[in-house]
């Protein structure tokens, strides 16, 4: 029986991207191949936690929520082969699946939406994880494969205090991919505090207008603060 380490399962509304505000069940898979210095879910990456659960048990808990949209997130859910079985089982029961991923590893599955968050260079930590993170964080060939089989959106975490480097890096990344519709590109301000995020989001607006990109607020932080299970 396929099993996954699950950090948490909860029902809320999608806080980011094109389905913002949509009631969704979140299945957070624990474990990640990156170590972003500003990671907002260290309990699923830097210090993975949670019980190892059978996929059938996870599906049953999701089914009990009575919500159609399911977000499989992490950590990095695409690291783990049992994610294929999880997604297939949920889709067979009529669920609409979003996979939240950094786009660095792939599995043979096709969700309704790949929400891809390529990590920019400012995500790299210092110390022993730096080189491993840098080597893994950008895999355009994997993202191309995802783009061929599912709808995608891109979420880039930007630090508006040093934006020019970020714009250039995003441009360079997108240039290595098939054409991406501007309204599929979301800018997310770095931060975990609502007041800080609001200030930084305001400063992203001129560039979003100029490029036709979108601002992605973190609705979950506005509504609930920086707390688990939201």
Protein backbone atom coordinates (compact mmCIF):
# COMPACT_ATOMS: atom_id res chain seq x y z
CA UNK A 1 0.00 0.00 0.00
CA UNK A 2 1.41 3.40 -1.03
CA UNK A 3 2.26 5.76 1.81
CA UNK A 4 3.22 9.42 2.20
CA UNK A 5 4.48 11.50 5.10
CA UNK A 6 1.72 14.07 5.61
CA UNK A 7 2.40 17.25 7.54
CA UNK A 8 -1.22 18.39 7.63
CA UNK A 9 -4.61 18.16 5.95
CA UNK A 10 -6.99 21.08 6.34
CA UNK A 11 -9.88 22.83 4.62
CA UNK A 12 -9.73 26.54 3.89
CA UNK A 13 -9.83 28.80 0.83
CA UNK A 14 -7.05 29.00 -1.73
CA UNK A 15 -4.99 32.03 -0.77
CA UNK A 16 -2.83 32.46 -3.87
CA UNK A 17 -2.96 32.45 -7.64
CA UNK A 18 -5.77 32.17 -10.16
CA UNK A 19 -8.11 30.21 -7.87
CA UNK A 20 -7.78 32.58 -4.93
CA UNK A 21 -10.79 32.38 -2.63
CA UNK A 22 -11.93 28.95 -3.83
CA UNK A 23 -12.80 26.52 -0.99
CA UNK A 24 -10.13 23.82 -1.06
CA UNK A 25 -8.76 20.90 0.90
CA UNK A 26 -5.00 21.20 1.36
CA UNK A 27 -2.87 18.07 1.60
CA UNK A 28 0.62 19.06 2.69
CA UNK A 29 3.21 16.43 1.88
CA UNK A 30 6.28 16.59 4.12
CA UNK A 31 9.77 16.65 2.60
CA UNK A 32 11.56 18.92 0.14
CA UNK A 33 14.68 18.92 -2.02
CA UNK A 34 15.20 22.68 -1.55
CA UNK A 35 15.94 24.79 1.52
CA UNK A 36 14.67 28.30 0.78
CA UNK A 37 16.03 30.75 3.31
CA UNK A 38 12.61 32.42 3.65
CA UNK A 39 10.52 29.21 3.55
CA UNK A 40 7.10 29.73 5.15
CA UNK A 41 6.54 26.02 5.82
CA UNK A 42 9.82 24.84 7.42
CA UNK A 43 7.92 22.03 9.13
CA UNK A 44 7.55 20.44 5.67
CA UNK A 45 11.04 21.25 4.35
CA UNK A 46 13.83 22.18 6.74
CA UNK A 47 12.39 20.00 9.51
CA UNK A 48 9.87 17.61 7.91
CA UNK A 49 7.24 16.41 10.32
CA UNK A 50 4.04 14.41 10.29
CA UNK A 51 2.95 10.78 10.28
CA UNK A 52 3.43 8.37 7.40
CA UNK A 53 -0.08 7.61 6.15
CA UNK A 54 -1.60 5.27 3.61
CA UNK A 55 -2.86 7.00 0.50
CA UNK A 56 -6.32 5.44 0.92
CA UNK A 57 -6.54 6.97 4.38
CA UNK A 58 -5.61 10.41 3.04
CA UNK A 59 -8.20 10.13 0.26
CA UNK A 60 -10.89 9.16 2.78
CA UNK A 61 -10.11 12.20 4.94
CA UNK A 62 -10.24 14.50 1.92
CA UNK A 63 -13.53 12.96 0.77
CA UNK A 64 -15.06 13.58 4.17
CA UNK A 65 -14.59 17.35 3.77
CA UNK A 66 -17.12 17.56 0.93
CA UNK A 67 -14.99 20.05 -1.03
CA UNK A 68 -14.21 19.55 -4.72
CA UNK A 69 -10.91 21.44 -5.09
CA UNK A 70 -7.84 19.78 -3.61
CA UNK A 71 -4.40 21.40 -3.37
CA UNK A 72 -1.51 18.95 -3.03
CA UNK A 73 1.34 21.00 -1.64
CA UNK A 74 4.45 20.68 0.46
CA UNK A 75 7.30 20.59 0.90
CA UNK A 76 7.65 19.22 -2.59
CA UNK A 77 4.94 16.66 -3.40
CA UNK A 78 6.53 15.77 -6.75
CA UNK A 79 9.45 14.14 -4.91
CA UNK A 80 7.38 11.16 -3.87
CA UNK A 81 6.08 8.41 -6.16
CA UNK A 82 2.94 7.77 -4.05
CA UNK A 83 1.76 11.26 -5.03
CA UNK A 84 0.85 9.69 -8.40
CA UNK A 85 -1.54 7.27 -6.70
CA UNK A 86 -2.95 10.02 -4.48
CA UNK A 87 -3.75 12.32 -7.40
CA UNK A 88 -5.23 9.50 -9.49
CA UNK A 89 -7.48 8.39 -6.64
CA UNK A 90 -8.71 11.91 -5.97
CA UNK A 91 -9.35 12.61 -9.65
CA UNK A 92 -11.30 9.36 -9.96
CA UNK A 93 -13.67 10.74 -7.33
CA UNK A 94 -14.20 13.99 -9.22
CA UNK A 95 -11.78 16.27 -7.42
CA UNK A 96 -10.06 19.18 -9.17
CA UNK A 97 -6.36 18.99 -8.37
CA UNK A 98 -3.75 21.72 -8.05
CA UNK A 99 -0.16 20.61 -7.53
CA UNK A 100 2.00 23.26 -5.87
CA UNK A 101 5.60 22.63 -6.88
CA UNK A 102 8.94 24.32 -7.45
CA UNK A 103 9.14 22.53 -10.80
CA UNK A 104 12.39 20.73 -10.03
CA UNK A 105 11.23 17.11 -10.16
CA UNK A 106 8.52 15.38 -12.18
CA UNK A 107 6.15 12.46 -11.87
CA UNK A 108 3.75 10.87 -14.39
CA UNK A 109 0.63 12.71 -13.29
CA UNK A 110 -1.60 15.38 -14.82
CA UNK A 111 -3.42 17.70 -12.42
CA UNK A 112 -5.89 20.33 -13.52
CA UNK A 113 -3.28 22.95 -12.55
CA UNK A 114 0.44 22.96 -11.93
CA UNK A 115 1.15 25.96 -9.71
CA UNK A 116 4.88 26.33 -10.30
CA UNK A 117 7.03 28.52 -8.07
CA UNK A 118 10.56 28.66 -9.51
CA UNK A 119 12.99 29.81 -6.86
CA UNK A 120 15.13 32.87 -7.55
CA UNK A 121 18.74 33.18 -6.45
CA UNK A 122 17.86 35.11 -3.27
CA UNK A 123 16.18 31.93 -1.98
CA UNK A 124 19.53 30.19 -1.42
CA UNK A 125 20.56 29.54 2.19
CA UNK A 126 24.06 29.84 3.55
CA UNK A 127 26.01 26.88 4.84
CA UNK A 128 25.93 23.23 3.86
CA UNK A 129 22.68 23.43 1.87
CA UNK A 130 23.74 26.31 -0.40
CA UNK A 131 25.31 24.31 -3.22
CA UNK A 132 22.64 21.59 -3.20
CA UNK A 133 19.88 24.18 -3.31
CA UNK A 134 21.52 26.12 -6.15
CA UNK A 135 22.06 22.97 -8.20
CA UNK A 136 18.43 21.90 -7.84
CA UNK A 137 16.33 25.09 -7.86
CA UNK A 138 15.98 25.68 -11.64
CA UNK A 139 15.11 22.81 -14.00
CA UNK A 140 13.56 24.27 -17.16
CA UNK A 141 13.34 20.91 -18.92
CA UNK A 142 11.05 19.63 -16.16
CA UNK A 143 8.86 22.72 -16.30
CA UNK A 144 8.59 22.35 -20.09
CA UNK A 145 7.30 18.80 -19.61
CA UNK A 146 4.69 20.02 -17.13
CA UNK A 147 3.59 22.76 -19.54
CA UNK A 148 3.00 20.17 -22.26
CA UNK A 149 0.39 18.24 -20.32
CA UNK A 150 -1.45 20.61 -17.96
CA UNK A 151 -2.46 24.19 -17.34
CA UNK A 152 0.27 26.06 -15.47
CA UNK A 153 0.66 29.24 -13.48
CA UNK A 154 3.94 30.70 -12.29
CA UNK A 155 4.42 32.30 -8.88
CA UNK A 156 7.66 34.19 -8.30
CA UNK A 157 8.58 35.31 -4.79
CA UNK A 158 10.09 38.78 -5.17
CA UNK A 159 11.87 41.05 -2.70
CA UNK A 160 10.82 44.58 -3.70
CA UNK A 161 13.77 46.03 -1.76
CA UNK A 162 16.06 44.67 -4.50
CA UNK A 163 13.70 44.25 -7.46
CA UNK A 164 15.90 44.90 -10.49
CA UNK A 165 17.89 41.70 -10.05
CA UNK A 166 14.66 39.75 -9.62
CA UNK A 167 13.10 41.15 -12.81
CA UNK A 168 16.19 40.22 -14.80
CA UNK A 169 16.24 36.72 -13.33
CA UNK A 170 12.54 36.14 -14.02
CA UNK A 171 13.01 37.35 -17.60
CA UNK A 172 15.93 34.96 -18.06
CA UNK A 173 13.92 32.04 -16.70
CA UNK A 174 10.86 32.71 -18.84
CA UNK A 175 13.07 33.07 -21.92
CA UNK A 176 14.10 29.41 -21.50
CA UNK A 177 10.48 28.21 -21.62
CA UNK A 178 7.78 28.06 -24.29
CA UNK A 179 5.75 31.30 -24.46
CA UNK A 180 4.03 32.04 -21.15
CA UNK A 181 0.89 34.19 -21.10
CA UNK A 182 1.60 37.29 -18.98
CA UNK A 183 -1.56 36.76 -16.95
CA UNK A 184 -0.24 33.35 -15.90
CA UNK A 185 2.68 35.03 -14.10
CA UNK A 186 2.06 36.04 -10.48
CA UNK A 187 4.35 38.19 -8.36
CA UNK A 188 4.38 37.37 -4.67
CA UNK A 189 6.08 39.66 -2.19
CA UNK A 190 8.50 37.99 0.18
CA UNK A 191 7.32 38.08 3.78
CA UNK A 192 5.07 36.45 6.37
CA UNK A 193 3.59 39.49 8.12
CA UNK A 194 0.43 41.08 6.71
CA UNK A 195 1.52 44.70 7.12
CA UNK A 196 4.91 44.03 5.54
CA UNK A 197 3.30 42.11 2.69
CA UNK A 198 0.82 44.90 1.95
CA UNK A 199 3.62 47.46 1.74
CA UNK A 200 5.71 45.26 -0.52
CA UNK A 201 2.76 44.29 -2.72
CA UNK A 202 2.00 47.95 -3.33
CA UNK A 203 5.56 48.44 -4.55
CA UNK A 204 5.19 45.58 -7.02
CA UNK A 205 2.19 47.13 -8.75
CA UNK A 206 4.04 49.40 -11.24
CA UNK A 207 6.10 46.52 -12.60
CA UNK A 208 3.05 44.25 -12.78
CA UNK A 209 1.22 46.90 -14.81
CA UNK A 210 4.19 47.42 -17.11
CA UNK A 211 4.61 43.72 -17.86
CA UNK A 212 1.00 42.56 -17.74
CA UNK A 213 1.79 40.27 -14.82
CA UNK A 214 -0.44 39.78 -11.79
CA UNK A 215 -0.01 40.45 -8.08
CA UNK A 216 -0.64 37.40 -5.91
CA UNK A 217 -1.59 38.37 -2.37
CA UNK A 218 -1.49 35.80 0.39
CA UNK A 219 -5.15 35.79 1.38
CA UNK A 220 -4.52 33.21 4.09
CA UNK A 221 -2.22 35.63 5.94
CA UNK A 222 -4.74 38.47 5.61
CA UNK A 223 -7.49 36.28 7.04
CA UNK A 224 -5.69 34.15 9.62
CA UNK A 225 -2.14 35.43 10.06
CA UNK A 226 0.94 33.26 9.59
CA UNK A 227 -0.53 30.11 11.13
CA UNK A 228 -0.63 26.45 10.23
CA UNK A 229 -3.84 24.88 9.01
CA UNK A 230 -5.05 27.90 7.05
